[in-house]
C-alpha atoms as a PDB file:
ATOM      1  CA  MET A   1     176.614 -89.432-156.970  1.00  0.00           C
ATOM      2  CA  ALA A   2     172.999 -90.557-156.654  1.00  0.00           C
ATOM      3  CA  VAL A   3     170.842 -88.213-154.605  1.00  0.00           C
ATOM      4  CA  VAL A   4     168.773 -89.935-151.939  1.00  0.00           C
ATOM      5  CA  ALA A   5     165.221 -88.602-151.631  1.00  0.00           C
ATOM      6  CA  ALA A   6     164.376 -86.877-148.355  1.00  0.00           C
ATOM      7  CA  PRO A   7     161.928 -89.568-147.114  1.00  0.00           C
ATOM      8  CA  GLU A   8     164.499 -92.293-147.773  1.00  0.00           C
ATOM      9  CA  ARG A   9     167.181 -90.254-146.031  1.00  0.00           C
ATOM     10  CA  GLU A  10     164.946 -89.864-142.989  1.00  0.00           C
ATOM     11  CA  MET A  11     164.463 -93.631-142.886  1.00  0.00           C
ATOM     12  CA  VAL A  12     168.234 -94.111-142.911  1.00  0.00           C
ATOM     13  CA  LEU A  13     168.689 -91.612-140.077  1.00  0.00           C
ATOM     14  CA  ARG A  14     166.038 -93.368-137.988  1.00  0.00           C
ATOM     15  CA  ALA A  15     167.754 -96.682-138.690  1.00  0.00           C
ATOM     16  CA  LEU A  16     171.078 -95.236-137.547  1.00  0.00           C
ATOM     17  CA  ALA A  17     169.559 -94.013-134.292  1.00  0.00           C
ATOM     18  CA  ASP A  18     167.889 -97.378-133.678  1.00  0.00           C
ATOM     19  CA  THR A  19     171.149 -99.169-134.453  1.00  0.00           C
ATOM     20  CA  VAL A  20     173.120 -97.095-131.958  1.00  0.00           C
ATOM     21  CA  ARG A  21     170.510 -97.741-129.274  1.00  0.00           C
ATOM     22  CA  ALA A  22     170.578-101.486-129.974  1.00  0.00           C
ATOM     23  CA  VAL A  23     174.369-101.658-129.780  1.00  0.00           C
ATOM     24  CA  GLU A  24     174.689 -99.297-126.791  1.00  0.00           C
ATOM     25  CA  PRO A  25     171.623 -99.336-124.486  1.00  0.00           C
ATOM     26  CA  GLN A  26     173.267 -96.732-122.239  1.00  0.00           C
ATOM     27  CA  VAL A  27     173.373 -94.120-125.015  1.00  0.00           C
ATOM     28  CA  ARG A  28     172.226 -90.684-123.828  1.00  0.00           C
ATOM     29  CA  ASP A  29     171.926 -88.969-127.198  1.00  0.00           C
ATOM     30  CA  VAL A  30     173.107 -89.081-130.797  1.00  0.00           C
ATOM     31  CA  VAL A  31     173.874 -85.906-132.770  1.00  0.00           C
ATOM     32  CA  LEU A  32     174.347 -85.860-136.533  1.00  0.00           C
ATOM     33  CA  ILE A  33     176.999 -83.313-137.552  1.00  0.00           C
ATOM     34  CA  GLY A  34     178.719 -82.139-140.719  1.00  0.00           C
ATOM     35  CA  SER A  35     177.544 -81.859-144.307  1.00  0.00           C
ATOM     36  CA  ALA A  36     174.751 -84.410-143.795  1.00  0.00           C
ATOM     37  CA  VAL A  37     173.045 -81.628-141.784  1.00  0.00           C
ATOM     38  CA  TYR A  38     173.638 -78.497-143.853  1.00  0.00           C
ATOM     39  CA  ALA A  39     173.990 -80.009-147.349  1.00  0.00           C
ATOM     40  CA  PRO A  40     172.360 -83.464-147.224  1.00  0.00           C
ATOM     41  CA  ASP A  41     172.119 -83.809-151.009  1.00  0.00           C
ATOM     42  CA  LEU A  42     175.889 -83.335-151.305  1.00  0.00           C
ATOM     43  CA  ALA A  43     177.034 -85.267-148.234  1.00  0.00           C
ATOM     44  CA  ARG A  44     179.236 -88.309-148.809  1.00  0.00           C
ATOM     45  CA  ASP A  45     178.912 -89.744-145.302  1.00  0.00           C
ATOM     46  CA  TYR A  46     177.206 -89.460-141.933  1.00  0.00           C
ATOM     47  CA  ASP A  47     179.141 -88.178-138.913  1.00  0.00           C
ATOM     48  CA  LEU A  48     177.624 -89.155-135.568  1.00  0.00           C
ATOM     49  CA  VAL A  49     178.515 -87.917-132.093  1.00  0.00           C
ATOM     50  CA  VAL A  50     177.380 -90.604-129.651  1.00  0.00           C
ATOM     51  CA  THR A  51     177.288 -89.654-125.969  1.00  0.00           C
ATOM     52  CA  THR A  52     176.915 -92.652-123.695  1.00  0.00           C
ATOM     53  CA  ARG A  53     176.561 -93.060-119.946  1.00  0.00           C
ATOM     54  CA  THR A  54     178.381 -96.393-119.920  1.00  0.00           C
ATOM     55  CA  ALA A  55     181.708 -96.582-118.147  1.00  0.00           C
ATOM     56  CA  ASP A  56     183.000 -98.833-120.929  1.00  0.00           C
ATOM     57  CA  ALA A  57     183.210 -96.195-123.696  1.00  0.00           C
ATOM     58  CA  ASP A  58     186.325 -97.829-125.120  1.00  0.00           C
ATOM     59  CA  ASP A  59     187.731 -98.880-128.473  1.00  0.00           C
ATOM     60  CA  ALA A  60     185.647-102.061-128.488  1.00  0.00           C
ATOM     61  CA  LEU A  61     182.423-100.058-128.228  1.00  0.00           C
ATOM     62  CA  PHE A  62     183.625 -97.725-130.974  1.00  0.00           C
ATOM     63  CA  ASP A  63     184.323-100.705-133.248  1.00  0.00           C
ATOM     64  CA  ARG A  64     180.897-102.225-132.603  1.00  0.00           C
ATOM     65  CA  LEU A  65     179.126 -98.955-133.290  1.00  0.00           C
ATOM     66  CA  LEU A  66     181.162 -98.298-136.423  1.00  0.00           C
ATOM     67  CA  ASP A  67     180.493-101.747-137.879  1.00  0.00           C
ATOM     68  CA  ALA A  68     176.781-101.715-137.049  1.00  0.00           C
ATOM     69  CA  THR A  69     176.041 -98.207-138.298  1.00  0.00           C
ATOM     70  CA  ASN A  70     177.922 -98.706-141.551  1.00  0.00           C
ATOM     71  CA  ALA A  71     175.874-101.850-142.149  1.00  0.00           C
ATOM     72  CA  ALA A  72     172.663 -99.890-141.545  1.00  0.00           C
ATOM     73  CA  ALA A  73     173.383 -96.893-143.793  1.00  0.00           C
ATOM     74  CA  ASP A  74     173.402 -96.129-147.506  1.00  0.00           C
ATOM     75  CA  LYS A  75     176.827 -94.454-147.274  1.00  0.00           C
ATOM     76  CA  ALA A  76     179.849 -94.403-144.991  1.00  0.00           C
ATOM     77  CA  VAL A  77     179.398 -93.605-141.311  1.00  0.00           C
ATOM     78  CA  ASP A  78     181.953 -92.170-138.902  1.00  0.00           C
ATOM     79  CA  VAL A  79     181.341 -92.269-135.170  1.00  0.00           C
ATOM     80  CA  ILE A  80     182.710 -90.211-132.297  1.00  0.00           C
ATOM     81  CA  VAL A  81     182.030 -91.758-128.894  1.00  0.00           C
ATOM     82  CA  ARG A  82     182.145 -89.599-125.778  1.00  0.00           C
ATOM     83  CA  ARG A  83     180.988 -89.554-122.158  1.00  0.00           C
ATOM     84  CA  PRO A  84     178.747 -86.856-120.616  1.00  0.00           C
ATOM     85  CA  GLY A  85     180.946 -83.934-119.621  1.00  0.00           C
ATOM     86  CA  GLY A  86     183.785 -85.202-121.778  1.00  0.00           C
ATOM     87  CA  LYS A  87     186.008 -83.118-123.993  1.00  0.00           C
ATOM     88  CA  ILE A  88     184.273 -81.246-126.828  1.00  0.00           C
ATOM     89  CA  GLY A  89     187.050 -79.016-128.189  1.00  0.00           C
ATOM     90  CA  ASN A  90     186.910 -78.409-131.928  1.00  0.00           C
ATOM     91  CA  LEU A  91     183.671 -80.369-132.204  1.00  0.00           C
ATOM     92  CA  ALA A  92     181.724 -77.622-130.431  1.00  0.00           C
ATOM     93  CA  GLY A  93     180.758 -75.684-133.527  1.00  0.00           C
ATOM     94  CA  ALA A  94     179.722 -78.794-135.440  1.00  0.00           C
ATOM     95  CA  ILE A  95     177.672 -80.044-132.490  1.00  0.00           C
ATOM     96  CA  LEU A  96     175.875 -76.712-132.139  1.00  0.00           C
ATOM     97  CA  ALA A  97     175.095 -76.936-135.841  1.00  0.00           C
ATOM     98  CA  GLY A  98     174.022 -80.548-135.503  1.00  0.00           C
ATOM     99  CA  ARG A  99     170.741 -82.404-135.526  1.00  0.00           C
ATOM    100  CA  VAL A 100     169.640 -84.629-132.657  1.00  0.00           C
ATOM    101  CA  LEU A 101     168.743 -88.107-133.915  1.00  0.00           C
ATOM    102  CA  LEU A 102     168.225 -89.743-130.539  1.00  0.00           C
ATOM    103  CA  GLY A 103     167.693 -88.437-127.011  1.00  0.00           C
ATOM    104  CA  GLY A 104     167.550 -84.801-125.955  1.00  0.00           C
ATOM    105  CA  MET A 105     169.634 -81.666-126.347  1.00  0.00           C
ATOM    106  CA  GLU A 106     172.205 -82.450-123.651  1.00  0.00           C
ATOM    107  CA  THR A 107     175.264 -82.690-125.921  1.00  0.00           C
ATOM    108  CA  ILE A 108     174.278 -79.519-127.761  1.00  0.00           C
ATOM    109  CA  ALA A 109     173.864 -77.816-124.368  1.00  0.00           C
ATOM    110  CA  GLU A 110     177.375 -78.963-123.407  1.00  0.00           C
ATOM    111  CA  ALA A 111     178.748 -77.427-126.600  1.00  0.00           C
ATOM    112  CA  ARG A 112     177.002 -74.143-125.865  1.00  0.00           C
ATOM    113  CA  VAL A 113     178.477 -74.046-122.360  1.00  0.00           C
ATOM    114  CA  PHE A 114     181.893 -74.668-123.929  1.00  0.00           C
ATOM    115  CA  PHE A 115     181.455 -71.526-126.044  1.00  0.00           C
ATOM    116  CA  GLU A 116     180.017 -69.452-123.208  1.00  0.00           C
ATOM    117  CA  GLU A 117     183.019 -70.309-121.050  1.00  0.00           C
ATOM    118  CA  GLY A 118     185.393 -69.058-123.728  1.00  0.00           C
ATOM    119  CA  GLY A 119     186.254 -72.416-125.227  1.00  0.00           C
ATOM    120  CA  GLY A 120     185.574 -71.375-128.806  1.00  0.00           C
ATOM    121  CA  ALA A 121     185.078 -68.357-131.010  1.00  0.00           C
ATOM    122  CA  MET A 122     181.603 -67.580-132.317  1.00  0.00           C
ATOM    123  CA  ASN A 123     181.057 -66.288-135.833  1.00  0.00           C
ATOM    124  CA  SER A 124     182.359 -62.870-136.840  1.00  0.00           C
ATOM    125  CA  PHE A 125     183.760 -61.215-139.920  1.00  0.00           C
ATOM    126  CA  GLU A 126     187.146 -61.194-138.185  1.00  0.00           C
ATOM    127  CA  GLN A 127     186.952 -64.984-138.089  1.00  0.00           C
ATOM    128  CA  ALA A 128     186.078 -65.037-141.797  1.00  0.00           C
ATOM    129  CA  ASP A 129     189.084 -62.835-142.555  1.00  0.00           C
ATOM    130  CA  ALA A 130     191.284 -65.160-140.478  1.00  0.00           C
ATOM    131  CA  ALA A 131     190.041 -68.177-142.452  1.00  0.00           C
ATOM    132  CA  LEU A 132     190.951 -66.433-145.716  1.00  0.00           C
ATOM    133  CA  ILE A 133     194.454 -65.676-144.464  1.00  0.00           C
ATOM    134  CA  ASN A 134     194.877 -69.242-143.235  1.00  0.00           C
ATOM    135  CA  ALA A 135     193.666 -70.581-146.588  1.00  0.00           C
ATOM    136  CA  GLU A 136     196.322 -68.599-148.443  1.00  0.00           C
ATOM    137  CA  ASP A 137     199.057 -69.593-145.994  1.00  0.00           C
ATOM    138  CA  THR A 138     198.087 -73.265-146.221  1.00  0.00           C
ATOM    139  CA  PHE A 139     198.034 -73.158-150.010  1.00  0.00           C
ATOM    140  CA  GLU A 140     201.522 -71.648-150.111  1.00  0.00           C
ATOM    141  CA  LEU A 141     202.757 -74.349-147.722  1.00  0.00           C
ATOM    142  CA  ALA A 142     201.319 -76.973-150.053  1.00  0.00           C
ATOM    143  CA  ARG A 143     203.323 -75.568-152.953  1.00  0.00           C
ATOM    144  CA  THR A 144     206.599 -75.715-151.034  1.00  0.00           C
ATOM    145  CA  THR A 145     206.531 -79.384-150.016  1.00  0.00           C
ATOM    146  CA  ASP A 146     207.806 -82.279-152.110  1.00  0.00           C
ATOM    147  CA  LYS A 147     205.867 -84.935-150.164  1.00  0.00           C
ATOM    148  CA  PRO A 148     202.774 -85.880-152.199  1.00  0.00           C
ATOM    149  CA  ALA A 149     200.633 -86.900-149.218  1.00  0.00           C
ATOM    150  CA  VAL A 150     201.442 -83.703-147.318  1.00  0.00           C
ATOM    151  CA  LYS A 151     200.867 -81.593-150.427  1.00  0.00           C
ATOM    152  CA  ASP A 152     197.475 -83.217-151.022  1.00  0.00           C
ATOM    153  CA  ARG A 153     196.354 -82.699-147.432  1.00  0.00           C
ATOM    154  CA  ARG A 154     197.389 -79.053-147.466  1.00  0.00           C
ATOM    155  CA  TYR A 155     195.662 -78.374-150.778  1.00  0.00           C
ATOM    156  CA  ARG A 156     192.455 -79.920-149.441  1.00  0.00           C
ATOM    157  CA  ASN A 157     192.690 -77.901-146.237  1.00  0.00           C
ATOM    158  CA  ALA A 158     193.343 -74.691-148.152  1.00  0.00           C
ATOM    159  CA  PHE A 159     190.225 -75.080-150.280  1.00  0.00           C
ATOM    160  CA  ASN A 160     188.168 -75.986-147.225  1.00  0.00           C
ATOM    161  CA  GLU A 161     189.427 -72.899-145.384  1.00  0.00           C
ATOM    162  CA  LEU A 162     188.004 -70.834-148.246  1.00  0.00           C
ATOM    163  CA  PHE A 163     184.674 -72.548-147.673  1.00  0.00           C
ATOM    164  CA  ASP A 164     184.932 -71.866-143.939  1.00  0.00           C
ATOM    165  CA  ALA A 165     185.445 -68.159-144.633  1.00  0.00           C
ATOM    166  CA  ALA A 166     182.289 -68.089-146.744  1.00  0.00           C
ATOM    167  CA  ARG A 167     180.320 -70.089-144.173  1.00  0.00           C
ATOM    168  CA  ILE A 168     181.370 -67.857-141.272  1.00  0.00           C
ATOM    169  CA  ALA A 169     180.564 -64.677-143.199  1.00  0.00           C
ATOM    170  CA  ALA A 170     177.152 -66.011-144.193  1.00  0.00           C
ATOM    171  CA  LEU A 171     176.320 -67.058-140.635  1.00  0.00           C
ATOM    172  CA  THR A 172     177.449 -63.698-139.280  1.00  0.00           C
ATOM    173  CA  TYR A 173     175.212 -61.877-141.753  1.00  0.00           C
ATOM    174  CA  LEU A 174     172.279 -64.130-140.817  1.00  0.00           C
ATOM    175  CA  GLY A 175     172.915 -63.551-137.113  1.00  0.00           C
ATOM    176  CA  ARG A 176     173.265 -67.255-136.445  1.00  0.00           C
ATOM    177  CA  GLU A 177     175.053 -67.324-133.097  1.00  0.00           C
ATOM    178  CA  ASP A 178     174.132 -70.995-132.746  1.00  0.00           C
ATOM    179  CA  THR A 179     176.336 -71.673-135.821  1.00  0.00           C
ATOM    180  CA  HIS A 180     173.562 -73.714-137.439  1.00  0.00           C
ATOM    181  CA  TRP A 181     174.420 -74.360-141.091  1.00  0.00           C
ATOM    182  CA  SER A 182     171.153 -75.786-142.356  1.00  0.00           C
ATOM    183  CA  GLY A 183     169.389 -73.669-144.960  1.00  0.00           C
ATOM    184  CA  ILE A 184     172.108 -71.033-145.390  1.00  0.00           C
ATOM    185  CA  ALA A 185     171.893 -71.055-149.178  1.00  0.00           C
ATOM    186  CA  ARG A 186     168.114 -70.559-149.072  1.00  0.00           C
ATOM    187  CA  GLU A 187     168.330 -67.631-146.647  1.00  0.00           C
ATOM    188  CA  LEU A 188     171.051 -65.571-148.316  1.00  0.00           C
ATOM    189  CA  PRO A 189     169.960 -62.829-150.742  1.00  0.00           C
ATOM    190  CA  TRP A 190     170.195 -63.564-154.464  1.00  0.00           C
ATOM    191  CA  PRO A 191     172.633 -64.412-156.022  1.00  0.00           C
ATOM    192  CA  HIS A 192     174.716 -65.146-152.919  1.00  0.00           C
ATOM    193  CA  GLY A 193     172.669 -68.188-151.953  1.00  0.00           C
ATOM    194  CA  LYS A 194     173.465 -69.750-155.316  1.00  0.00           C
ATOM    195  CA  ASP A 195     177.123 -68.827-154.924  1.00  0.00           C
ATOM    196  CA  PHE A 196     177.239 -70.349-151.446  1.00  0.00           C
ATOM    197  CA  ARG A 197     175.728 -73.611-152.648  1.00  0.00           C
ATOM    198  CA  GLU A 198     178.406 -73.789-155.361  1.00  0.00           C
ATOM    199  CA  MET A 199     181.047 -73.253-152.667  1.00  0.00           C
ATOM    200  CA  ILE A 200     179.647 -76.164-150.685  1.00  0.00           C
ATOM    201  CA  GLY A 201     179.648 -78.469-153.689  1.00  0.00           C
ATOM    202  CA  THR A 202     183.050 -77.482-155.058  1.00  0.00           C
ATOM    203  CA  LEU A 203     185.247 -76.256-152.199  1.00  0.00           C
ATOM    204  CA  HIS A 204     183.934 -78.392-149.347  1.00  0.00           C
ATOM    205  CA  VAL A 205     182.789 -81.578-151.054  1.00  0.00           C
ATOM    206  CA  SER A 206     184.653 -81.953-154.359  1.00  0.00           C
ATOM    207  CA  TYR A 207     187.996 -80.274-153.629  1.00  0.00           C
ATOM    208  CA  SER A 208     188.386 -80.803-149.882  1.00  0.00           C
ATOM    209  CA  TYR A 209     186.474 -84.007-149.169  1.00  0.00           C
ATOM    210  CA  ASP A 210     187.008 -85.867-152.466  1.00  0.00           C
ATOM    211  CA  GLY A 211     190.348 -84.303-153.428  1.00  0.00           C
ATOM    212  CA  ASN A 212     189.185 -83.496-156.966  1.00  0.00           C
ATOM    213  CA  TYR A 213     191.037 -80.180-157.209  1.00  0.00           C
ATOM    214  CA  PRO A 214     193.326 -79.634-160.280  1.00  0.00           C
ATOM    215  CA  LYS A 215     196.494 -81.661-159.764  1.00  0.00           C
ATOM    216  CA  ASP A 216     198.659 -79.520-162.038  1.00  0.00           C
ATOM    217  CA  GLU A 217     200.235 -76.872-159.781  1.00  0.00           C
ATOM    218  CA  LEU A 218     199.632 -73.982-162.176  1.00  0.00           C
ATOM    219  CA  HIS A 219     195.978 -74.907-162.652  1.00  0.00           C
ATOM    220  CA  ALA A 220     195.573 -75.512-158.913  1.00  0.00           C
ATOM    221  CA  ALA A 221     196.935 -72.014-158.206  1.00  0.00           C
ATOM    222  CA  GLN A 222     194.626 -70.468-160.769  1.00  0.00           C
ATOM    223  CA  GLU A 223     191.630 -72.324-159.371  1.00  0.00           C
ATOM    224  CA  PHE A 224     192.515 -71.371-155.810  1.00  0.00           C
ATOM    225  CA  GLN A 225     192.788 -67.706-156.764  1.00  0.00           C
ATOM    226  CA  ARG A 226     189.491 -67.831-158.671  1.00  0.00           C
ATOM    227  CA  TRP A 227     187.632 -69.234-155.666  1.00  0.00           C
ATOM    228  CA  LYS A 228     189.467 -66.972-153.223  1.00  0.00           C
ATOM    229  CA  ASP A 229     188.271 -63.955-155.215  1.00  0.00           C
ATOM    230  CA  ARG A 230     184.691 -65.246-155.112  1.00  0.00           C
ATOM    231  CA  VAL A 231     184.822 -65.921-151.371  1.00  0.00           C
ATOM    232  CA  GLU A 232     186.345 -62.516-150.667  1.00  0.00           C
ATOM    233  CA  GLU A 233     183.515 -60.917-152.654  1.00  0.00           C
ATOM    234  CA  LEU A 234     180.984 -62.803-150.560  1.00  0.00           C
ATOM    235  CA  VAL A 235     182.660 -61.766-147.296  1.00  0.00           C
ATOM    236  CA  VAL A 236     182.788 -58.116-148.380  1.00  0.00           C
ATOM    237  CA  GLU A 237     179.142 -58.174-149.450  1.00  0.00           C
ATOM    238  CA  MET A 238     177.942 -59.846-146.245  1.00  0.00           C
ATOM    239  CA  ARG A 239     179.916 -57.309-144.195  1.00  0.00           C
ATOM    240  CA  ARG A 240     178.498 -54.389-146.226  1.00  0.00           C
ATOM    241  CA  ARG A 241     174.914 -55.604-145.901  1.00  0.00           C
ATOM    242  CA  THR A 242     175.325 -56.199-142.178  1.00  0.00           C
ATOM    243  CA  LEU A 243     176.800 -52.721-141.650  1.00  0.00           C
ATOM    244  CA  ASN A 244     174.036 -51.067-143.674  1.00  0.00           C
ATOM    245  CA  ARG A 245     171.383 -52.995-141.780  1.00  0.00           C
ATOM    246  CA  THR A 246     172.894 -51.895-138.451  1.00  0.00           C
ATOM    247  CA  GLU A 247     173.112 -48.241-139.524  1.00  0.00           C
ATOM    248  CA  ASP A 248     169.484 -48.296-140.705  1.00  0.00           C
ATOM    249  CA  MET A 249     168.151 -49.557-137.354  1.00  0.00           C
ATOM    250  CA  PRO A 250     166.136 -46.906-135.494  1.00  0.00           C
ATOM    251  CA  GLU A 251     167.551 -45.573-132.251  1.00  0.00           C
ATOM    252  CA  ARG A 252     165.884 -46.749-129.062  1.00  0.00           C
END
């Protein structure tokens, strides 16, 4: 995959914002979410959350935005259209980690309120442990099904759950309650930053997003175990460093 230089990428993002505003004059804000925020060199698409004040936020508007933004970008674009105060749900974490391309911080503020009101779980090592358990359970489910499409989806999800465990542990260590993903690899101590970047590229992008995991079941199991061991090591190390840092803090 060709890597787009940062200045060119910024031009594309400005073009996307301008395109949304031209198609939907009532747009309140546009938030870029996903890997285009925290791993732009590895991202395969742009995911946009468009919040509009128009009462006609329907399928026709979605189609117009999707067609126009894909024509304006250098890679695929996906669009989520919502109204102010509308449902956020599982998008909350991604929105909090997002980057505003147009407008103000209103959608990000809505996501924060969602968390503060108990709508989502913030980062913790318990959440990282849960992601590891879910990854293993999902992988075992993939091995038990005979339906190729279901098997593929479960394998992808299992590898991505491993990445989620690493991401949550890293964010917890960094004290990132806003769940922002940008720059994680640069901020982690050596060699864990390098390890985390490899997890982005392999687990999240190649195996989960592109589906390039080993298709032979034995090799897939071996690869899953290899990466699970690496992620578990990262979680343990982030927990240890966080505990040591807490114990070393002077009493007030």
